[in-house]
Amino acid sequence: MKRLLWYLIAGSRGGVNRARIIHALNERPYNANQLAKYLELDYKTVIHHLKVLEKNYVVSTQGDGYGKVIFLEEELIRSYDEFLSIWNKLRIQEK
């Protein structure tokens, strides 16, 4: 999971937004529209990042269509401290 998180957050464009999405979903489940509003991102941007995260088994969905709710996968929940470690290292490097 650690390598995957490095790739998704630090090794590719959009990593900061993906990290923000993961962080928000750790607080509570959201649908894509709620995430877009909460993170002040374009809806299509959120959809793109959610597809990347779902393809890599970081998030999963429940329900159908517009109201589909997004959850963090259990493996990421167990590895959340690793996510925070990576996120904190990147934030320090940005300063």
N, C-alpha and C. Protein backbone atom coordinates (compact mmCIF):
# COMPACT_ATOMS: atom_id res chain seq x y z
N MET A 1 0.83 -1.19 0.00
CA MET A 1 0.00 0.00 0.00
C MET A 1 0.87 1.25 0.00
N LYS A 2 2.01 1.20 0.69
CA LYS A 2 2.86 2.38 0.79
C LYS A 2 3.35 2.84 -0.59
N ARG A 3 3.80 1.90 -1.41
CA ARG A 3 4.26 2.25 -2.76
C ARG A 3 3.13 2.84 -3.59
N LEU A 4 1.97 2.23 -3.48
CA LEU A 4 0.81 2.72 -4.23
C LEU A 4 0.48 4.15 -3.81
N LEU A 5 0.50 4.41 -2.52
CA LEU A 5 0.21 5.77 -2.04
C LEU A 5 1.25 6.77 -2.53
N TRP A 6 2.51 6.38 -2.51
CA TRP A 6 3.55 7.28 -3.04
C TRP A 6 3.26 7.61 -4.50
N TYR A 7 2.92 6.60 -5.26
CA TYR A 7 2.62 6.82 -6.68
C TYR A 7 1.40 7.73 -6.85
N LEU A 8 0.33 7.45 -6.16
CA LEU A 8 -0.91 8.19 -6.34
C LEU A 8 -0.83 9.63 -5.82
N ILE A 9 -0.01 9.85 -4.81
CA ILE A 9 0.04 11.18 -4.19
C ILE A 9 1.24 11.99 -4.66
N ALA A 10 2.41 11.36 -4.66
CA ALA A 10 3.63 12.12 -4.96
C ALA A 10 4.14 11.90 -6.37
N GLY A 11 3.79 10.79 -6.98
CA GLY A 11 4.40 10.42 -8.25
C GLY A 11 3.62 10.77 -9.48
N SER A 12 2.50 11.44 -9.32
CA SER A 12 1.70 11.75 -10.50
C SER A 12 0.97 13.08 -10.32
N ARG A 13 0.62 13.65 -11.47
CA ARG A 13 -0.15 14.90 -11.43
C ARG A 13 -1.46 14.66 -10.71
N GLY A 14 -1.90 15.64 -10.00
CA GLY A 14 -3.17 15.52 -9.30
C GLY A 14 -3.07 14.87 -7.94
N GLY A 15 -1.87 14.55 -7.53
CA GLY A 15 -1.68 13.86 -6.26
C GLY A 15 -2.19 14.64 -5.06
N VAL A 16 -2.03 15.93 -5.09
CA VAL A 16 -2.50 16.76 -3.97
C VAL A 16 -4.02 16.65 -3.85
N ASN A 17 -4.72 16.73 -4.97
CA ASN A 17 -6.17 16.61 -4.90
C ASN A 17 -6.60 15.21 -4.47
N ARG A 18 -5.89 14.18 -4.93
CA ARG A 18 -6.22 12.83 -4.49
C ARG A 18 -6.00 12.69 -2.98
N ALA A 19 -4.93 13.28 -2.48
CA ALA A 19 -4.67 13.24 -1.03
C ALA A 19 -5.78 13.97 -0.27
N ARG A 20 -6.22 15.09 -0.78
CA ARG A 20 -7.31 15.83 -0.13
C ARG A 20 -8.59 15.00 -0.11
N ILE A 21 -8.86 14.28 -1.19
CA ILE A 21 -10.04 13.42 -1.26
C ILE A 21 -9.93 12.30 -0.24
N ILE A 22 -8.78 11.64 -0.18
CA ILE A 22 -8.58 10.57 0.80
C ILE A 22 -8.77 11.09 2.21
N HIS A 23 -8.19 12.24 2.49
CA HIS A 23 -8.32 12.83 3.83
C HIS A 23 -9.77 13.12 4.17
N ALA A 24 -10.51 13.68 3.23
CA ALA A 24 -11.93 13.98 3.47
C ALA A 24 -12.73 12.70 3.69
N LEU A 25 -12.46 11.68 2.89
CA LEU A 25 -13.21 10.42 3.03
C LEU A 25 -12.86 9.68 4.31
N ASN A 26 -11.73 9.98 4.88
CA ASN A 26 -11.41 9.38 6.18
C ASN A 26 -12.30 9.96 7.27
N GLU A 27 -12.73 11.19 7.09
CA GLU A 27 -13.60 11.84 8.07
C GLU A 27 -15.02 11.27 8.00
N ARG A 28 -15.51 11.06 6.75
CA ARG A 28 -16.87 10.55 6.54
C ARG A 28 -17.06 10.23 5.07
N PRO A 29 -18.03 9.40 4.74
CA PRO A 29 -18.32 9.13 3.32
C PRO A 29 -18.99 10.34 2.67
N TYR A 30 -18.75 10.52 1.39
CA TYR A 30 -19.35 11.59 0.60
C TYR A 30 -19.79 11.02 -0.74
N ASN A 31 -20.68 11.75 -1.42
CA ASN A 31 -20.86 11.48 -2.84
C ASN A 31 -19.98 12.49 -3.59
N ALA A 32 -19.87 12.32 -4.89
CA ALA A 32 -18.94 13.15 -5.67
C ALA A 32 -19.30 14.63 -5.59
N ASN A 33 -20.58 14.94 -5.63
CA ASN A 33 -21.01 16.34 -5.58
C ASN A 33 -20.66 16.96 -4.23
N GLN A 34 -20.89 16.22 -3.16
CA GLN A 34 -20.55 16.72 -1.83
C GLN A 34 -19.04 16.95 -1.69
N LEU A 35 -18.26 16.02 -2.23
CA LEU A 35 -16.80 16.18 -2.19
C LEU A 35 -16.36 17.42 -2.96
N ALA A 36 -16.94 17.62 -4.14
CA ALA A 36 -16.58 18.78 -4.96
C ALA A 36 -16.85 20.08 -4.20
N LYS A 37 -17.99 20.15 -3.55
CA LYS A 37 -18.32 21.35 -2.78
C LYS A 37 -17.41 21.51 -1.57
N TYR A 38 -17.22 20.42 -0.84
CA TYR A 38 -16.41 20.46 0.37
C TYR A 38 -14.97 20.87 0.08
N LEU A 39 -14.40 20.32 -1.00
CA LEU A 39 -13.01 20.59 -1.34
C LEU A 39 -12.84 21.78 -2.28
N GLU A 40 -13.95 22.37 -2.69
CA GLU A 40 -13.96 23.50 -3.62
C GLU A 40 -13.21 23.15 -4.90
N LEU A 41 -13.58 21.99 -5.47
CA LEU A 41 -13.02 21.52 -6.73
C LEU A 41 -14.14 21.36 -7.75
N ASP A 42 -13.77 21.38 -9.01
CA ASP A 42 -14.72 21.14 -10.07
C ASP A 42 -15.23 19.70 -9.97
N TYR A 43 -16.51 19.49 -10.21
CA TYR A 43 -17.13 18.17 -10.13
C TYR A 43 -16.42 17.17 -11.03
N LYS A 44 -16.10 17.56 -12.26
CA LYS A 44 -15.43 16.65 -13.20
C LYS A 44 -14.03 16.28 -12.72
N THR A 45 -13.37 17.19 -12.06
CA THR A 45 -12.05 16.92 -11.49
C THR A 45 -12.17 15.85 -10.41
N VAL A 46 -13.15 16.00 -9.55
CA VAL A 46 -13.38 15.02 -8.49
C VAL A 46 -13.69 13.65 -9.09
N ILE A 47 -14.55 13.61 -10.09
CA ILE A 47 -14.90 12.34 -10.74
C ILE A 47 -13.64 11.68 -11.31
N HIS A 48 -12.79 12.46 -11.96
CA HIS A 48 -11.56 11.91 -12.53
C HIS A 48 -10.70 11.26 -11.43
N HIS A 49 -10.48 11.98 -10.34
CA HIS A 49 -9.64 11.47 -9.27
C HIS A 49 -10.27 10.26 -8.58
N LEU A 50 -11.58 10.26 -8.44
CA LEU A 50 -12.25 9.11 -7.85
C LEU A 50 -12.09 7.87 -8.72
N LYS A 51 -12.13 8.05 -10.03
CA LYS A 51 -11.92 6.91 -10.94
C LYS A 51 -10.51 6.35 -10.76
N VAL A 52 -9.52 7.23 -10.64
CA VAL A 52 -8.14 6.79 -10.43
C VAL A 52 -8.03 6.03 -9.11
N LEU A 53 -8.62 6.58 -8.07
CA LEU A 53 -8.55 5.94 -6.75
C LEU A 53 -9.31 4.62 -6.73
N GLU A 54 -10.44 4.56 -7.41
CA GLU A 54 -11.20 3.30 -7.45
C GLU A 54 -10.46 2.24 -8.26
N LYS A 55 -9.87 2.64 -9.37
CA LYS A 55 -9.10 1.72 -10.20
C LYS A 55 -7.95 1.09 -9.42
N ASN A 56 -7.40 1.84 -8.47
CA ASN A 56 -6.27 1.38 -7.67
C ASN A 56 -6.71 0.84 -6.30
N TYR A 57 -7.99 0.56 -6.13
CA TYR A 57 -8.55 -0.07 -4.94
C TYR A 57 -8.31 0.72 -3.66
N VAL A 58 -8.35 2.04 -3.79
CA VAL A 58 -8.20 2.91 -2.62
C VAL A 58 -9.57 3.30 -2.09
N VAL A 59 -10.54 3.48 -2.99
CA VAL A 59 -11.91 3.78 -2.60
C VAL A 59 -12.86 2.78 -3.25
N SER A 60 -14.05 2.68 -2.68
CA SER A 60 -15.11 1.88 -3.26
C SER A 60 -16.40 2.69 -3.15
N THR A 61 -17.42 2.27 -3.89
CA THR A 61 -18.67 3.00 -3.91
C THR A 61 -19.82 2.11 -3.49
N GLN A 62 -20.87 2.75 -3.04
CA GLN A 62 -22.11 2.08 -2.67
C GLN A 62 -23.25 2.86 -3.28
N GLY A 63 -24.14 2.18 -3.97
CA GLY A 63 -25.27 2.84 -4.60
C GLY A 63 -25.03 3.04 -6.08
N ASP A 64 -25.95 3.78 -6.68
CA ASP A 64 -25.90 4.01 -8.12
C ASP A 64 -26.08 5.49 -8.44
N GLY A 65 -25.60 5.84 -9.61
CA GLY A 65 -25.85 7.16 -10.18
C GLY A 65 -25.30 8.30 -9.37
N TYR A 66 -26.01 9.41 -9.44
CA TYR A 66 -25.57 10.69 -8.87
C TYR A 66 -25.33 10.62 -7.36
N GLY A 67 -26.16 9.85 -6.65
CA GLY A 67 -26.04 9.80 -5.19
C GLY A 67 -25.10 8.73 -4.68
N LYS A 68 -24.34 8.09 -5.56
CA LYS A 68 -23.41 7.03 -5.18
C LYS A 68 -22.45 7.56 -4.11
N VAL A 69 -22.32 6.81 -3.04
CA VAL A 69 -21.50 7.23 -1.90
C VAL A 69 -20.14 6.55 -1.99
N ILE A 70 -19.09 7.31 -1.69
CA ILE A 70 -17.71 6.83 -1.79
C ILE A 70 -17.16 6.59 -0.39
N PHE A 71 -16.49 5.45 -0.24
CA PHE A 71 -15.87 5.06 1.02
C PHE A 71 -14.40 4.71 0.77
N LEU A 72 -13.59 4.85 1.81
CA LEU A 72 -12.22 4.35 1.74
C LEU A 72 -12.25 2.83 1.86
N GLU A 73 -11.37 2.16 1.12
CA GLU A 73 -11.24 0.71 1.25
C GLU A 73 -10.61 0.36 2.60
N GLU A 74 -10.93 -0.80 3.09
CA GLU A 74 -10.43 -1.24 4.40
C GLU A 74 -8.91 -1.24 4.47
N GLU A 75 -8.25 -1.64 3.39
CA GLU A 75 -6.78 -1.68 3.41
C GLU A 75 -6.19 -0.29 3.63
N LEU A 76 -6.80 0.72 3.02
CA LEU A 76 -6.30 2.09 3.22
C LEU A 76 -6.60 2.55 4.64
N ILE A 77 -7.74 2.19 5.16
CA ILE A 77 -8.06 2.57 6.54
C ILE A 77 -7.01 1.99 7.48
N ARG A 78 -6.62 0.74 7.25
CA ARG A 78 -5.58 0.12 8.08
C ARG A 78 -4.22 0.79 7.88
N SER A 79 -4.00 1.36 6.69
CA SER A 79 -2.71 1.98 6.36
C SER A 79 -2.77 3.51 6.43
N TYR A 80 -3.76 4.03 7.11
CA TYR A 80 -3.95 5.49 7.10
C TYR A 80 -2.76 6.23 7.69
N ASP A 81 -2.10 5.65 8.67
CA ASP A 81 -0.90 6.30 9.24
C ASP A 81 0.19 6.45 8.19
N GLU A 82 0.33 5.46 7.29
CA GLU A 82 1.29 5.57 6.20
C GLU A 82 0.90 6.72 5.27
N PHE A 83 -0.39 6.83 4.97
CA PHE A 83 -0.87 7.94 4.14
C PHE A 83 -0.49 9.27 4.79
N LEU A 84 -0.78 9.40 6.08
CA LEU A 84 -0.46 10.66 6.78
C LEU A 84 1.02 10.96 6.76
N SER A 85 1.84 9.94 6.90
CA SER A 85 3.29 10.12 6.87
C SER A 85 3.73 10.67 5.51
N ILE A 86 3.22 10.09 4.44
CA ILE A 86 3.55 10.56 3.09
C ILE A 86 3.05 11.98 2.89
N TRP A 87 1.83 12.23 3.26
CA TRP A 87 1.21 13.55 3.10
C TRP A 87 2.01 14.61 3.86
N ASN A 88 2.41 14.29 5.09
CA ASN A 88 3.18 15.25 5.88
C ASN A 88 4.55 15.51 5.28
N LYS A 89 5.21 14.49 4.75
CA LYS A 89 6.51 14.68 4.10
C LYS A 89 6.38 15.60 2.88
N LEU A 90 5.33 15.42 2.12
CA LEU A 90 5.12 16.26 0.94
C LEU A 90 4.81 17.70 1.32
N ARG A 91 4.06 17.88 2.36
CA ARG A 91 3.71 19.24 2.80
C ARG A 91 4.95 19.96 3.31
N ILE A 92 5.84 19.25 3.97
CA ILE A 92 7.09 19.86 4.44
C ILE A 92 7.96 20.27 3.25
N GLN A 93 8.04 19.44 2.22
CA GLN A 93 8.84 19.74 1.05
C GLN A 93 8.31 20.95 0.28
N GLU A 94 7.00 21.19 0.34
CA GLU A 94 6.40 22.32 -0.39
C GLU A 94 6.79 23.65 0.23
N LYS A 95 7.12 23.66 1.50
CA LYS A 95 7.41 24.93 2.21
C LYS A 95 8.76 25.47 1.86
